[in-house]
C-alpha atoms as a PDB file:
ATOM      1  CA  MET A   1       6.039 -14.976 -16.695  1.00  0.00           C
ATOM      2  CA  GLN A   2       3.240 -16.653 -18.548  1.00  0.00           C
ATOM      3  CA  ILE A   3       1.275 -14.459 -20.926  1.00  0.00           C
ATOM      4  CA  SER A   4      -1.987 -15.949 -19.622  1.00  0.00           C
ATOM      5  CA  ILE A   5      -1.210 -14.479 -16.181  1.00  0.00           C
ATOM      6  CA  LEU A   6      -0.883 -11.007 -17.675  1.00  0.00           C
ATOM      7  CA  SER A   7      -4.106 -11.227 -19.625  1.00  0.00           C
ATOM      8  CA  ASN A   8      -6.095 -12.487 -16.631  1.00  0.00           C
ATOM      9  CA  LEU A   9      -5.155  -9.660 -14.254  1.00  0.00           C
ATOM     10  CA  LYS A  10      -8.103  -7.520 -13.273  1.00  0.00           C
ATOM     11  CA  LEU A  11      -7.861  -3.858 -12.312  1.00  0.00           C
ATOM     12  CA  ASP A  12     -10.311  -4.356  -9.462  1.00  0.00           C
ATOM     13  CA  ASP A  13      -8.245  -7.038  -7.750  1.00  0.00           C
ATOM     14  CA  ALA A  14      -5.694  -6.043  -5.127  1.00  0.00           C
ATOM     15  CA  LYS A  15      -2.191  -7.101  -6.097  1.00  0.00           C
ATOM     16  CA  GLU A  16       0.523  -8.183  -3.681  1.00  0.00           C
ATOM     17  CA  PHE A  17       4.069  -6.803  -3.865  1.00  0.00           C
ATOM     18  CA  GLU A  18       7.147  -7.659  -1.884  1.00  0.00           C
ATOM     19  CA  ILE A  19       8.757  -4.775  -0.005  1.00  0.00           C
ATOM     20  CA  LEU A  20      12.502  -4.984  -0.521  1.00  0.00           C
ATOM     21  CA  ASP A  21      15.125  -3.691   1.885  1.00  0.00           C
ATOM     22  CA  PRO A  22      15.629   0.015   1.126  1.00  0.00           C
ATOM     23  CA  LEU A  23      19.400  -0.216   1.610  1.00  0.00           C
ATOM     24  CA  THR A  24      20.169  -3.355  -0.375  1.00  0.00           C
ATOM     25  CA  GLY A  25      17.244  -3.606  -2.787  1.00  0.00           C
ATOM     26  CA  LYS A  26      17.000  -7.272  -1.816  1.00  0.00           C
ATOM     27  CA  ARG A  27      14.664  -9.341   0.343  1.00  0.00           C
ATOM     28  CA  SER A  28      14.901  -8.362   4.017  1.00  0.00           C
ATOM     29  CA  GLN A  29      16.988 -10.567   6.259  1.00  0.00           C
ATOM     30  CA  THR A  30      17.312 -10.841  10.009  1.00  0.00           C
ATOM     31  CA  TYR A  31      20.049 -12.496  12.026  1.00  0.00           C
ATOM     32  CA  ASN A  32      18.817 -15.522  13.960  1.00  0.00           C
ATOM     33  CA  PRO A  33      20.987 -15.967  17.082  1.00  0.00           C
ATOM     34  CA  LYS A  34      19.858 -19.586  17.484  1.00  0.00           C
ATOM     35  CA  THR A  35      21.039 -20.689  14.047  1.00  0.00           C
ATOM     36  CA  LYS A  36      23.696 -17.966  13.807  1.00  0.00           C
ATOM     37  CA  LYS A  37      22.571 -17.280  10.236  1.00  0.00           C
ATOM     38  CA  LEU A  38      20.739 -14.609   8.313  1.00  0.00           C
ATOM     39  CA  GLU A  39      17.175 -15.652   7.491  1.00  0.00           C
ATOM     40  CA  ASP A  40      14.830 -14.192   4.922  1.00  0.00           C
ATOM     41  CA  THR A  41      12.128 -12.052   6.501  1.00  0.00           C
ATOM     42  CA  PRO A  42      10.019 -10.938   3.551  1.00  0.00           C
ATOM     43  CA  ALA A  43       7.273  -8.332   3.842  1.00  0.00           C
ATOM     44  CA  PHE A  44       4.380  -7.929   1.431  1.00  0.00           C
ATOM     45  CA  ILE A  45       1.682  -5.360   0.818  1.00  0.00           C
ATOM     46  CA  SER A  46      -1.459  -5.741  -1.301  1.00  0.00           C
ATOM     47  CA  LEU A  47      -2.696  -2.643  -3.079  1.00  0.00           C
ATOM     48  CA  TYR A  48      -5.679  -1.639  -5.132  1.00  0.00           C
ATOM     49  CA  TYR A  49      -4.987   0.124  -8.420  1.00  0.00           C
ATOM     50  CA  MET A  50      -6.123   3.773  -8.512  1.00  0.00           C
ATOM     51  CA  GLY A  51      -8.254   2.904 -11.554  1.00  0.00           C
ATOM     52  CA  SER A  52     -10.129   0.141  -9.709  1.00  0.00           C
ATOM     53  CA  LYS A  53     -13.836   0.485  -8.923  1.00  0.00           C
ATOM     54  CA  LYS A  54     -13.049   0.706  -5.212  1.00  0.00           C
ATOM     55  CA  MET A  55     -10.573   3.552  -5.622  1.00  0.00           C
ATOM     56  CA  LYS A  56     -12.746   5.443  -8.102  1.00  0.00           C
ATOM     57  CA  LYS A  57     -15.520   5.322  -5.504  1.00  0.00           C
ATOM     58  CA  VAL A  58     -13.119   6.586  -2.805  1.00  0.00           C
ATOM     59  CA  GLN A  59     -12.030   9.448  -5.067  1.00  0.00           C
ATOM     60  CA  LEU A  60     -15.653  10.443  -5.750  1.00  0.00           C
ATOM     61  CA  GLU A  61     -16.496  10.364  -2.043  1.00  0.00           C
ATOM     62  CA  LEU A  62     -13.470  12.523  -1.301  1.00  0.00           C
ATOM     63  CA  GLN A  63     -14.449  15.035  -3.992  1.00  0.00           C
ATOM     64  CA  ARG A  64     -17.990  15.203  -2.574  1.00  0.00           C
ATOM     65  CA  LYS A  65     -16.595  15.773   0.903  1.00  0.00           C
ATOM     66  CA  ILE A  66     -14.391  18.627  -0.319  1.00  0.00           C
ATOM     67  CA  ILE A  67     -17.328  20.233  -2.149  1.00  0.00           C
ATOM     68  CA  GLU A  68     -19.487  19.986   0.980  1.00  0.00           C
ATOM     69  CA  LEU A  69     -16.747  21.553   3.079  1.00  0.00           C
ATOM     70  CA  ALA A  70     -16.427  24.393   0.554  1.00  0.00           C
ATOM     71  CA  LYS A  71     -20.217  24.970   0.641  1.00  0.00           C
ATOM     72  CA  ASP A  72     -20.084  25.147   4.427  1.00  0.00           C
ATOM     73  CA  LYS A  73     -17.088  27.528   4.160  1.00  0.00           C
ATOM     74  CA  LYS A  74     -14.906  25.070   6.056  1.00  0.00           C
ATOM     75  CA  ASP A  75     -11.279  24.279   5.332  1.00  0.00           C
ATOM     76  CA  ALA A  76     -10.692  21.545   2.777  1.00  0.00           C
ATOM     77  CA  PRO A  77      -8.295  18.744   3.704  1.00  0.00           C
ATOM     78  CA  THR A  78      -4.636  19.461   3.019  1.00  0.00           C
ATOM     79  CA  GLU A  79      -2.821  17.700   0.196  1.00  0.00           C
ATOM     80  CA  LYS A  80      -1.167  15.373   2.735  1.00  0.00           C
ATOM     81  CA  GLU A  81      -4.520  14.546   4.358  1.00  0.00           C
ATOM     82  CA  VAL A  82      -5.992  13.678   0.948  1.00  0.00           C
ATOM     83  CA  GLU A  83      -2.956  11.540   0.131  1.00  0.00           C
ATOM     84  CA  ASP A  84      -3.223   9.815   3.518  1.00  0.00           C
ATOM     85  CA  MET A  85      -6.873   8.957   2.883  1.00  0.00           C
ATOM     86  CA  LEU A  86      -6.144   7.597  -0.592  1.00  0.00           C
ATOM     87  CA  PHE A  87      -3.128   5.553   0.496  1.00  0.00           C
ATOM     88  CA  PHE A  88      -5.044   4.158   3.472  1.00  0.00           C
ATOM     89  CA  GLU A  89      -7.857   2.975   1.184  1.00  0.00           C
ATOM     90  CA  MET A  90      -5.428   1.552  -1.392  1.00  0.00           C
ATOM     91  CA  ILE A  91      -4.012  -0.938   1.104  1.00  0.00           C
ATOM     92  CA  ASP A  92      -5.936  -4.195   1.029  1.00  0.00           C
ATOM     93  CA  SER A  93      -3.632  -6.123   3.358  1.00  0.00           C
ATOM     94  CA  TYR A  94      -0.028  -6.657   4.387  1.00  0.00           C
ATOM     95  CA  ARG A  95       2.091  -9.303   6.044  1.00  0.00           C
ATOM     96  CA  GLY A  96       5.638  -9.775   7.221  1.00  0.00           C
ATOM     97  CA  PHE A  97       6.022  -6.406   8.947  1.00  0.00           C
ATOM     98  CA  LYS A  98       7.204  -6.565  12.541  1.00  0.00           C
ATOM     99  CA  ASP A  99       7.246  -4.109  15.430  1.00  0.00           C
ATOM    100  CA  ASP A 100      10.432  -3.240  17.348  1.00  0.00           C
ATOM    101  CA  LYS A 101       9.948  -6.308  19.557  1.00  0.00           C
ATOM    102  CA  GLY A 102       9.782  -8.655  16.561  1.00  0.00           C
ATOM    103  CA  LYS A 103       6.031  -9.264  16.794  1.00  0.00           C
ATOM    104  CA  GLU A 104       4.199  -9.394  13.458  1.00  0.00           C
ATOM    105  CA  LEU A 105       1.981  -6.379  12.820  1.00  0.00           C
ATOM    106  CA  GLU A 106      -1.670  -7.327  12.636  1.00  0.00           C
ATOM    107  CA  PHE A 107      -3.577  -5.833   9.699  1.00  0.00           C
ATOM    108  CA  ASN A 108      -5.684  -3.119  11.312  1.00  0.00           C
ATOM    109  CA  GLU A 109      -6.316   0.621  11.062  1.00  0.00           C
ATOM    110  CA  GLU A 110      -3.738   1.639  13.671  1.00  0.00           C
ATOM    111  CA  ASN A 111      -0.925  -0.435  12.161  1.00  0.00           C
ATOM    112  CA  THR A 112      -1.827   0.664   8.636  1.00  0.00           C
ATOM    113  CA  ARG A 113      -1.494   4.291   9.712  1.00  0.00           C
ATOM    114  CA  LEU A 114       1.828   3.379  11.366  1.00  0.00           C
ATOM    115  CA  LEU A 115       3.117   1.898   8.096  1.00  0.00           C
ATOM    116  CA  LEU A 116       1.996   4.976   6.184  1.00  0.00           C
ATOM    117  CA  GLU A 117       4.176   7.149   8.415  1.00  0.00           C
ATOM    118  CA  ALA A 118       7.244   5.537   6.819  1.00  0.00           C
ATOM    119  CA  PRO A 119       8.350   7.665   3.831  1.00  0.00           C
ATOM    120  CA  TYR A 120       9.773   4.565   2.102  1.00  0.00           C
ATOM    121  CA  ILE A 121       6.407   2.773   2.217  1.00  0.00           C
ATOM    122  CA  ARG A 122       4.600   5.893   0.952  1.00  0.00           C
ATOM    123  CA  HIS A 123       7.066   6.183  -1.925  1.00  0.00           C
ATOM    124  CA  LEU A 124       6.643   2.513  -2.851  1.00  0.00           C
ATOM    125  CA  ILE A 125       2.852   2.745  -2.755  1.00  0.00           C
ATOM    126  CA  GLU A 126       2.969   5.756  -5.052  1.00  0.00           C
ATOM    127  CA  GLU A 127       5.469   4.117  -7.408  1.00  0.00           C
ATOM    128  CA  VAL A 128       3.786   0.716  -7.552  1.00  0.00           C
ATOM    129  CA  SER A 129       0.259   2.088  -7.905  1.00  0.00           C
ATOM    130  CA  SER A 130       1.306   4.237 -10.860  1.00  0.00           C
ATOM    131  CA  LYS A 131       2.550   1.111 -12.675  1.00  0.00           C
ATOM    132  CA  MET A 132      -0.258  -1.283 -11.687  1.00  0.00           C
ATOM    133  CA  GLY A 133      -2.454  -0.680 -14.707  1.00  0.00           C
ATOM    134  CA  ASN A 134       0.173  -1.927 -17.132  1.00  0.00           C
ATOM    135  CA  PHE A 135      -0.858  -5.157 -18.867  1.00  0.00           C
ATOM    136  CA  SER A 136      -4.124  -5.395 -16.922  1.00  0.00           C
ATOM    137  CA  THR A 137      -7.636  -5.749 -18.251  1.00  0.00           C
ATOM    138  CA  LYS A 138     -10.772  -4.057 -17.068  1.00  0.00           C
END
């Protein structure tokens, strides 16, 4: 990796990461019956760093919402609901994910929520986002 790449990273930019197969730790592969071979089927997700301007704004809005709910003596969101909101906002885009019929998932709210239901994806988002600030500049 070139040092100039590291020094030019910005915290406010979303960064793309490849999602590796949870069983092998390698790039996903799918058997192609036509060629009778395994073919790479990579999947990628772009995330915002929790320290980015966008995510700081989301965190402030969430805190304001919780304060307002407390003032109105209403229940605050659960820890999972807060995490869901943060993870949803962290995702800038994704590609390479397919439904059970093999059709590529379009980047939209419904499919994003579907991806977030997968514990493996949630774990990766948490892990990757905690490391994203390393070697980045403001």
